[in-house]
Amino acid sequence: MNKKLKKDLIQQRNDMDDAEVREIEKRIAARKREIGSSMKGHLETFNDGVIAIFITIMVLEIPYPSAAVSMHAFRESLVIFLVSFFVVADFWYELQRSFMTFEQADHWVVVTDFLFLAALALIPIMTKWIMNDITRRAVMNFGMVYLVTTLLEVGLFFAAHRRQARVYSRVYRMFMLIRVLWVIGLNGALIILAFFYPKAAMYLFLSLPVVSFFFPNVRMLSRHRHRHRVGRCEDPQVIGKSPDDPKAE
């Protein structure tokens, strides 16, 4: 039956003229773009919901002052929550910026995004660990989780833009490489510092995302995204948003 069906399909394909084939291919391509755009919207909504759950759980873990919980323990829990909140908030902010640079989400974008969320879910507990137990092991483990989470966030950006990489200039590709090396180098240096000076490394690990959230620098990667392209593509789904798009700011 399968052979007969395949034979019929081949025969139908041979009976079509080139105009009909091009029209079908055009409709399939348009449908794929619609699915990709819809998937991206669902993924953004899912990310917001999952991260909101992370923050809600973090709040519920704060014990209120009572006979069993001292004011000192309450204040410590509150500080841990605030630090964890802004670490997660910084990741959410950068994630939103990445999503603004592409229009469609395919299978690999979804896979990378889920891996990123899985790593991000460990950040609050790792933050609680290093703030309650400032040891070499605790801070180095936090650094590894933070590094993996950051690399997955960068990987999500690359997964979304991998098909368009050829139309970007050599300068832009160099910026992407520099971004990866910067992430690995900075986090690697802090992990090494944690081996010798865990307390200093802890303060740096926790202060960097908080400072980044309140005082976001103008990232060179975003600034040069549209300035260093080789040519232009008429289809905005292929090349990304135009520089005139208000969301590109």
C-alpha atoms as a PDB file:
ATOM      1  CA  MET A   1       0.000   0.000   0.000  1.00  0.00           C
ATOM      2  CA  ASN A   2       2.824   2.372   0.858  1.00  0.00           C
ATOM      3  CA  LYS A   3       4.573   1.640  -2.425  1.00  0.00           C
ATOM      4  CA  LYS A   4       1.385   2.305  -4.357  1.00  0.00           C
ATOM      5  CA  LEU A   5       0.811   5.589  -2.483  1.00  0.00           C
ATOM      6  CA  LYS A   6       4.392   6.668  -3.123  1.00  0.00           C
ATOM      7  CA  LYS A   7       4.034   5.813  -6.787  1.00  0.00           C
ATOM      8  CA  ASP A   8       0.809   7.847  -7.025  1.00  0.00           C
ATOM      9  CA  LEU A   9       2.453  10.848  -5.364  1.00  0.00           C
ATOM     10  CA  ILE A  10       5.397  10.695  -7.748  1.00  0.00           C
ATOM     11  CA  GLN A  11       3.004  10.496 -10.667  1.00  0.00           C
ATOM     12  CA  GLN A  12       1.046  13.512  -9.407  1.00  0.00           C
ATOM     13  CA  ARG A  13       4.312  15.418  -9.025  1.00  0.00           C
ATOM     14  CA  ASN A  14       5.301  14.595 -12.606  1.00  0.00           C
ATOM     15  CA  ASP A  15       1.902  15.686 -13.912  1.00  0.00           C
ATOM     16  CA  MET A  16       2.235  19.140 -12.347  1.00  0.00           C
ATOM     17  CA  ASP A  17       3.854  21.995 -14.197  1.00  0.00           C
ATOM     18  CA  ASP A  18       6.586  24.127 -12.663  1.00  0.00           C
ATOM     19  CA  ALA A  19       4.186  26.940 -11.741  1.00  0.00           C
ATOM     20  CA  GLU A  20       2.007  24.608  -9.686  1.00  0.00           C
ATOM     21  CA  VAL A  21       5.040  23.147  -7.928  1.00  0.00           C
ATOM     22  CA  ARG A  22       6.367  26.621  -7.071  1.00  0.00           C
ATOM     23  CA  GLU A  23       2.966  27.635  -5.722  1.00  0.00           C
ATOM     24  CA  ILE A  24       2.801  24.570  -3.467  1.00  0.00           C
ATOM     25  CA  GLU A  25       6.340  25.148  -2.231  1.00  0.00           C
ATOM     26  CA  LYS A  26       5.488  28.784  -1.559  1.00  0.00           C
ATOM     27  CA  ARG A  27       2.447  27.777   0.511  1.00  0.00           C
ATOM     28  CA  ILE A  28       4.494  25.228   2.474  1.00  0.00           C
ATOM     29  CA  ALA A  29       7.177  27.824   3.205  1.00  0.00           C
ATOM     30  CA  ALA A  30       4.535  30.330   4.344  1.00  0.00           C
ATOM     31  CA  ARG A  31       2.958  27.705   6.583  1.00  0.00           C
ATOM     32  CA  LYS A  32       6.342  26.923   8.131  1.00  0.00           C
ATOM     33  CA  ARG A  33       6.863  30.619   8.901  1.00  0.00           C
ATOM     34  CA  GLU A  34       3.427  30.797  10.531  1.00  0.00           C
ATOM     35  CA  ILE A  35       4.197  27.744  12.673  1.00  0.00           C
ATOM     36  CA  GLY A  36       7.595  29.171  13.636  1.00  0.00           C
ATOM     37  CA  SER A  37       6.108  32.525  14.631  1.00  0.00           C
ATOM     38  CA  SER A  38       3.350  30.831  16.614  1.00  0.00           C
ATOM     39  CA  MET A  39       5.880  28.588  18.357  1.00  0.00           C
ATOM     40  CA  LYS A  40       7.962  31.605  19.318  1.00  0.00           C
ATOM     41  CA  GLY A  41       4.919  33.284  20.905  1.00  0.00           C
ATOM     42  CA  HIS A  42       4.014  30.136  22.841  1.00  0.00           C
ATOM     43  CA  LEU A  43       7.612  29.770  23.984  1.00  0.00           C
ATOM     44  CA  GLU A  44       7.766  33.356  25.295  1.00  0.00           C
ATOM     45  CA  THR A  45       4.524  32.834  27.215  1.00  0.00           C
ATOM     46  CA  PHE A  46       5.808  29.540  28.613  1.00  0.00           C
ATOM     47  CA  ASN A  47       9.093  31.141  29.696  1.00  0.00           C
ATOM     48  CA  ASP A  48       7.293  33.949  31.513  1.00  0.00           C
ATOM     49  CA  GLY A  49       5.058  31.451  33.309  1.00  0.00           C
ATOM     50  CA  VAL A  50       7.899  29.153  34.358  1.00  0.00           C
ATOM     51  CA  ILE A  51      10.074  32.012  35.623  1.00  0.00           C
ATOM     52  CA  ALA A  52       7.086  33.454  37.499  1.00  0.00           C
ATOM     53  CA  ILE A  53       6.703  30.056  39.205  1.00  0.00           C
ATOM     54  CA  PHE A  54      10.404  30.111  40.155  1.00  0.00           C
ATOM     55  CA  ILE A  55       9.961  33.480  41.830  1.00  0.00           C
ATOM     56  CA  THR A  56       6.726  32.428  43.551  1.00  0.00           C
ATOM     57  CA  ILE A  57       8.411  29.367  45.048  1.00  0.00           C
ATOM     58  CA  MET A  58      11.290  31.540  46.222  1.00  0.00           C
ATOM     59  CA  VAL A  59       8.831  33.833  48.041  1.00  0.00           C
ATOM     60  CA  LEU A  60       6.998  30.931  49.662  1.00  0.00           C
ATOM     61  CA  GLU A  61      10.281  29.632  51.091  1.00  0.00           C
ATOM     62  CA  ILE A  62      10.761  32.785  53.196  1.00  0.00           C
ATOM     63  CA  PRO A  63       9.844  31.864  56.792  1.00  0.00           C
ATOM     64  CA  TYR A  64       7.974  34.467  58.800  1.00  0.00           C
ATOM     65  CA  PRO A  65       9.262  35.436  62.266  1.00  0.00           C
ATOM     66  CA  SER A  66       7.844  33.186  64.953  1.00  0.00           C
ATOM     67  CA  ALA A  67       8.874  31.241  68.051  1.00  0.00           C
ATOM     68  CA  ALA A  68      10.754  28.810  65.803  1.00  0.00           C
ATOM     69  CA  VAL A  69      12.198  31.436  63.440  1.00  0.00           C
ATOM     70  CA  SER A  70      14.206  34.380  64.715  1.00  0.00           C
ATOM     71  CA  MET A  71      14.267  37.834  63.158  1.00  0.00           C
ATOM     72  CA  HIS A  72      17.868  37.202  62.143  1.00  0.00           C
ATOM     73  CA  ALA A  73      16.882  34.074  60.179  1.00  0.00           C
ATOM     74  CA  PHE A  74      13.992  35.990  58.617  1.00  0.00           C
ATOM     75  CA  ARG A  75      16.303  38.790  57.468  1.00  0.00           C
ATOM     76  CA  GLU A  76      18.775  36.293  56.041  1.00  0.00           C
ATOM     77  CA  SER A  77      16.003  34.570  54.066  1.00  0.00           C
ATOM     78  CA  LEU A  78      14.787  37.922  52.808  1.00  0.00           C
ATOM     79  CA  VAL A  79      18.254  38.888  51.591  1.00  0.00           C
ATOM     80  CA  ILE A  80      18.676  35.507  49.866  1.00  0.00           C
ATOM     81  CA  PHE A  81      15.330  35.977  48.149  1.00  0.00           C
ATOM     82  CA  LEU A  82      16.177  39.481  46.908  1.00  0.00           C
ATOM     83  CA  VAL A  83      19.556  38.412  45.546  1.00  0.00           C
ATOM     84  CA  SER A  84      18.054  35.320  43.863  1.00  0.00           C
ATOM     85  CA  PHE A  85      15.214  37.423  42.489  1.00  0.00           C
ATOM     86  CA  PHE A  86      17.508  39.855  40.704  1.00  0.00           C
ATOM     87  CA  VAL A  87      19.791  37.088  39.420  1.00  0.00           C
ATOM     88  CA  VAL A  88      16.764  35.398  37.843  1.00  0.00           C
ATOM     89  CA  ALA A  89      15.396  38.775  36.693  1.00  0.00           C
ATOM     90  CA  ASP A  90      18.648  39.547  34.896  1.00  0.00           C
ATOM     91  CA  PHE A  91      18.472  36.236  33.024  1.00  0.00           C
ATOM     92  CA  TRP A  92      14.827  36.926  32.112  1.00  0.00           C
ATOM     93  CA  TYR A  93      15.727  40.389  30.818  1.00  0.00           C
ATOM     94  CA  GLU A  94      18.523  39.086  28.611  1.00  0.00           C
ATOM     95  CA  LEU A  95      16.250  36.275  27.401  1.00  0.00           C
ATOM     96  CA  GLN A  96      13.631  38.808  26.309  1.00  0.00           C
ATOM     97  CA  ARG A  97      16.278  40.818  24.463  1.00  0.00           C
ATOM     98  CA  SER A  98      17.341  37.686  22.601  1.00  0.00           C
ATOM     99  CA  PHE A  99      13.753  36.849  21.622  1.00  0.00           C
ATOM    100  CA  MET A 100      13.336  40.331  20.132  1.00  0.00           C
ATOM    101  CA  THR A 101      16.054  39.594  17.571  1.00  0.00           C
ATOM    102  CA  PHE A 102      14.285  36.739  15.755  1.00  0.00           C
ATOM    103  CA  GLU A 103      10.828  35.934  14.447  1.00  0.00           C
ATOM    104  CA  GLN A 104      10.600  32.139  14.396  1.00  0.00           C
ATOM    105  CA  ALA A 105      11.363  29.300  16.804  1.00  0.00           C
ATOM    106  CA  ASP A 106      12.177  25.848  15.472  1.00  0.00           C
ATOM    107  CA  HIS A 107      12.909  22.555  17.227  1.00  0.00           C
ATOM    108  CA  TRP A 108      16.454  23.454  18.305  1.00  0.00           C
ATOM    109  CA  VAL A 109      15.344  26.788  19.732  1.00  0.00           C
ATOM    110  CA  VAL A 110      12.729  24.973  21.833  1.00  0.00           C
ATOM    111  CA  VAL A 111      15.253  22.344  23.003  1.00  0.00           C
ATOM    112  CA  THR A 112      17.841  24.988  23.959  1.00  0.00           C
ATOM    113  CA  ASP A 113      15.207  27.065  25.714  1.00  0.00           C
ATOM    114  CA  PHE A 114      14.062  24.117  27.848  1.00  0.00           C
ATOM    115  CA  LEU A 115      17.646  23.275  28.769  1.00  0.00           C
ATOM    116  CA  PHE A 116      18.157  26.917  29.746  1.00  0.00           C
ATOM    117  CA  LEU A 117      15.069  26.869  31.987  1.00  0.00           C
ATOM    118  CA  ALA A 118      16.250  23.627  33.630  1.00  0.00           C
ATOM    119  CA  ALA A 119      19.597  25.227  34.472  1.00  0.00           C
ATOM    120  CA  LEU A 120      17.950  28.470  35.593  1.00  0.00           C
ATOM    121  CA  ALA A 121      15.764  26.517  38.037  1.00  0.00           C
ATOM    122  CA  LEU A 122      18.925  25.584  39.957  1.00  0.00           C
ATOM    123  CA  ILE A 123      20.081  29.192  40.443  1.00  0.00           C
ATOM    124  CA  PRO A 124      17.882  30.006  43.497  1.00  0.00           C
ATOM    125  CA  ILE A 125      18.939  26.908  45.459  1.00  0.00           C
ATOM    126  CA  MET A 126      22.581  27.451  44.506  1.00  0.00           C
ATOM    127  CA  THR A 127      22.322  31.077  45.665  1.00  0.00           C
ATOM    128  CA  LYS A 128      20.865  29.933  48.967  1.00  0.00           C
ATOM    129  CA  TRP A 129      23.683  27.410  49.343  1.00  0.00           C
ATOM    130  CA  ILE A 130      26.549  29.851  48.874  1.00  0.00           C
ATOM    131  CA  MET A 131      24.986  32.507  51.094  1.00  0.00           C
ATOM    132  CA  ASN A 132      24.524  30.031  53.943  1.00  0.00           C
ATOM    133  CA  ASP A 133      27.746  28.096  53.410  1.00  0.00           C
ATOM    134  CA  ILE A 134      30.583  30.173  51.955  1.00  0.00           C
ATOM    135  CA  THR A 135      32.916  27.321  51.109  1.00  0.00           C
ATOM    136  CA  ARG A 136      35.099  26.499  48.128  1.00  0.00           C
ATOM    137  CA  ARG A 137      32.812  23.664  47.044  1.00  0.00           C
ATOM    138  CA  ALA A 138      29.621  25.710  47.299  1.00  0.00           C
ATOM    139  CA  VAL A 139      30.923  28.728  45.371  1.00  0.00           C
ATOM    140  CA  MET A 140      32.584  26.640  42.657  1.00  0.00           C
ATOM    141  CA  ASN A 141      29.379  24.650  42.131  1.00  0.00           C
ATOM    142  CA  PHE A 142      27.407  27.877  41.902  1.00  0.00           C
ATOM    143  CA  GLY A 143      29.919  29.112  39.323  1.00  0.00           C
ATOM    144  CA  MET A 144      29.512  25.984  37.211  1.00  0.00           C
ATOM    145  CA  VAL A 145      25.707  26.223  37.247  1.00  0.00           C
ATOM    146  CA  TYR A 146      25.879  29.943  36.467  1.00  0.00           C
ATOM    147  CA  LEU A 147      28.300  29.296  33.588  1.00  0.00           C
ATOM    148  CA  VAL A 148      26.115  26.547  32.092  1.00  0.00           C
ATOM    149  CA  THR A 149      23.006  28.743  32.383  1.00  0.00           C
ATOM    150  CA  THR A 150      24.742  31.678  30.696  1.00  0.00           C
ATOM    151  CA  LEU A 151      26.118  29.496  27.892  1.00  0.00           C
ATOM    152  CA  LEU A 152      22.654  28.045  27.265  1.00  0.00           C
ATOM    153  CA  GLU A 153      21.235  31.554  27.073  1.00  0.00           C
ATOM    154  CA  VAL A 154      23.885  32.452  24.485  1.00  0.00           C
ATOM    155  CA  GLY A 155      23.256  29.111  22.769  1.00  0.00           C
ATOM    156  CA  LEU A 156      19.571  29.991  22.437  1.00  0.00           C
ATOM    157  CA  PHE A 157      20.519  33.152  20.547  1.00  0.00           C
ATOM    158  CA  PHE A 158      22.819  31.169  18.245  1.00  0.00           C
ATOM    159  CA  ALA A 159      20.199  28.454  17.672  1.00  0.00           C
ATOM    160  CA  ALA A 160      17.684  31.084  16.579  1.00  0.00           C
ATOM    161  CA  HIS A 161      20.151  32.757  14.183  1.00  0.00           C
ATOM    162  CA  ARG A 162      22.089  29.756  12.884  1.00  0.00           C
ATOM    163  CA  ARG A 163      20.247  29.644   9.520  1.00  0.00           C
ATOM    164  CA  GLN A 164      20.961  33.324   8.855  1.00  0.00           C
ATOM    165  CA  ALA A 165      24.624  33.221   9.856  1.00  0.00           C
ATOM    166  CA  ARG A 166      25.811  33.364   6.259  1.00  0.00           C
ATOM    167  CA  VAL A 167      24.216  36.750   5.607  1.00  0.00           C
ATOM    168  CA  TYR A 168      25.949  38.353   8.577  1.00  0.00           C
ATOM    169  CA  SER A 169      29.281  40.018   8.096  1.00  0.00           C
ATOM    170  CA  ARG A 170      32.599  38.704   9.328  1.00  0.00           C
ATOM    171  CA  VAL A 171      32.654  41.465  11.952  1.00  0.00           C
ATOM    172  CA  TYR A 172      29.325  40.334  13.391  1.00  0.00           C
ATOM    173  CA  ARG A 173      30.438  36.699  13.562  1.00  0.00           C
ATOM    174  CA  MET A 174      33.563  37.883  15.363  1.00  0.00           C
ATOM    175  CA  PHE A 175      31.379  39.642  17.934  1.00  0.00           C
ATOM    176  CA  MET A 176      29.468  36.416  18.548  1.00  0.00           C
ATOM    177  CA  LEU A 177      32.721  34.542  19.096  1.00  0.00           C
ATOM    178  CA  ILE A 178      33.962  37.265  21.454  1.00  0.00           C
ATOM    179  CA  ARG A 179      30.744  37.012  23.443  1.00  0.00           C
ATOM    180  CA  VAL A 180      31.203  33.270  23.978  1.00  0.00           C
ATOM    181  CA  LEU A 181      34.864  33.668  24.933  1.00  0.00           C
ATOM    182  CA  TRP A 182      33.973  36.508  27.318  1.00  0.00           C
ATOM    183  CA  VAL A 183      31.335  34.395  29.075  1.00  0.00           C
ATOM    184  CA  ILE A 184      33.682  31.425  29.427  1.00  0.00           C
ATOM    185  CA  GLY A 185      36.656  33.565  30.424  1.00  0.00           C
ATOM    186  CA  LEU A 186      34.868  35.655  33.059  1.00  0.00           C
ATOM    187  CA  ASN A 187      33.051  32.758  34.688  1.00  0.00           C
ATOM    188  CA  GLY A 188      36.116  30.541  34.479  1.00  0.00           C
ATOM    189  CA  ALA A 189      38.213  33.191  36.202  1.00  0.00           C
ATOM    190  CA  LEU A 190      35.645  33.511  39.017  1.00  0.00           C
ATOM    191  CA  ILE A 191      35.497  29.733  39.450  1.00  0.00           C
ATOM    192  CA  ILE A 192      39.294  29.649  39.782  1.00  0.00           C
ATOM    193  CA  LEU A 193      39.113  32.569  42.233  1.00  0.00           C
ATOM    194  CA  ALA A 194      36.562  30.598  44.267  1.00  0.00           C
ATOM    195  CA  PHE A 195      39.142  27.854  44.767  1.00  0.00           C
ATOM    196  CA  PHE A 196      41.452  30.265  46.585  1.00  0.00           C
ATOM    197  CA  TYR A 197      39.101  33.016  47.843  1.00  0.00           C
ATOM    198  CA  PRO A 198      35.530  31.664  47.973  1.00  0.00           C
ATOM    199  CA  LYS A 199      34.079  34.663  49.820  1.00  0.00           C
ATOM    200  CA  ALA A 200      35.419  37.186  47.290  1.00  0.00           C
ATOM    201  CA  ALA A 201      34.216  35.024  44.392  1.00  0.00           C
ATOM    202  CA  MET A 202      30.774  34.737  45.978  1.00  0.00           C
ATOM    203  CA  TYR A 203      30.402  38.531  46.206  1.00  0.00           C
ATOM    204  CA  LEU A 204      31.485  38.929  42.584  1.00  0.00           C
ATOM    205  CA  PHE A 205      29.192  36.164  41.312  1.00  0.00           C
ATOM    206  CA  LEU A 206      26.170  37.673  43.069  1.00  0.00           C
ATOM    207  CA  SER A 207      26.958  41.316  42.377  1.00  0.00           C
ATOM    208  CA  LEU A 208      27.502  40.993  38.617  1.00  0.00           C
ATOM    209  CA  PRO A 209      23.914  40.022  37.627  1.00  0.00           C
ATOM    210  CA  VAL A 210      22.413  42.508  40.116  1.00  0.00           C
ATOM    211  CA  VAL A 211      24.534  45.363  38.750  1.00  0.00           C
ATOM    212  CA  SER A 212      23.800  44.212  35.195  1.00  0.00           C
ATOM    213  CA  PHE A 213      20.054  44.313  35.888  1.00  0.00           C
ATOM    214  CA  PHE A 214      19.997  47.811  37.391  1.00  0.00           C
ATOM    215  CA  PHE A 215      22.668  49.303  35.128  1.00  0.00           C
ATOM    216  CA  PRO A 216      22.455  47.437  31.803  1.00  0.00           C
ATOM    217  CA  ASN A 217      25.335  48.352  29.523  1.00  0.00           C
ATOM    218  CA  VAL A 218      24.841  48.826  25.808  1.00  0.00           C
ATOM    219  CA  ARG A 219      25.986  45.480  24.506  1.00  0.00           C
ATOM    220  CA  MET A 220      28.192  45.584  21.461  1.00  0.00           C
ATOM    221  CA  LEU A 221      26.505  42.494  20.051  1.00  0.00           C
ATOM    222  CA  SER A 222      23.075  44.134  19.973  1.00  0.00           C
ATOM    223  CA  ARG A 223      24.423  47.459  18.745  1.00  0.00           C
ATOM    224  CA  HIS A 224      26.157  45.977  15.718  1.00  0.00           C
ATOM    225  CA  ARG A 225      23.507  43.464  14.794  1.00  0.00           C
ATOM    226  CA  HIS A 226      22.136  45.512  11.897  1.00  0.00           C
ATOM    227  CA  ARG A 227      25.212  47.541  11.056  1.00  0.00           C
ATOM    228  CA  HIS A 228      27.440  44.707   9.913  1.00  0.00           C
ATOM    229  CA  ARG A 229      25.326  42.679   7.533  1.00  0.00           C
ATOM    230  CA  VAL A 230      26.259  41.481   4.112  1.00  0.00           C
ATOM    231  CA  GLY A 231      23.405  42.604   1.897  1.00  0.00           C
ATOM    232  CA  ARG A 232      19.725  42.549   2.778  1.00  0.00           C
ATOM    233  CA  CYS A 233      16.989  39.991   2.430  1.00  0.00           C
ATOM    234  CA  GLU A 234      13.495  40.990   1.356  1.00  0.00           C
ATOM    235  CA  ASP A 235      11.920  38.497   3.724  1.00  0.00           C
ATOM    236  CA  PRO A 236      11.985  39.853   7.319  1.00  0.00           C
ATOM    237  CA  GLN A 237      11.490  36.316   8.588  1.00  0.00           C
ATOM    238  CA  VAL A 238      14.939  35.380   7.270  1.00  0.00           C
ATOM    239  CA  ILE A 239      17.011  38.351   8.255  1.00  0.00           C
ATOM    240  CA  GLY A 240      15.295  39.423  11.463  1.00  0.00           C
ATOM    241  CA  LYS A 241      13.843  42.734  12.479  1.00  0.00           C
ATOM    242  CA  SER A 242      14.834  45.874  10.672  1.00  0.00           C
ATOM    243  CA  PRO A 243      16.777  48.634  12.417  1.00  0.00           C
ATOM    244  CA  ASP A 244      13.661  50.809  12.280  1.00  0.00           C
ATOM    245  CA  ASP A 245      11.673  48.302  14.355  1.00  0.00           C
ATOM    246  CA  PRO A 246      10.988  49.890  17.753  1.00  0.00           C
ATOM    247  CA  LYS A 247      11.589  46.538  19.420  1.00  0.00           C
ATOM    248  CA  ALA A 248      15.115  46.458  18.063  1.00  0.00           C
ATOM    249  CA  GLU A 249      16.127  49.191  20.460  1.00  0.00           C
END
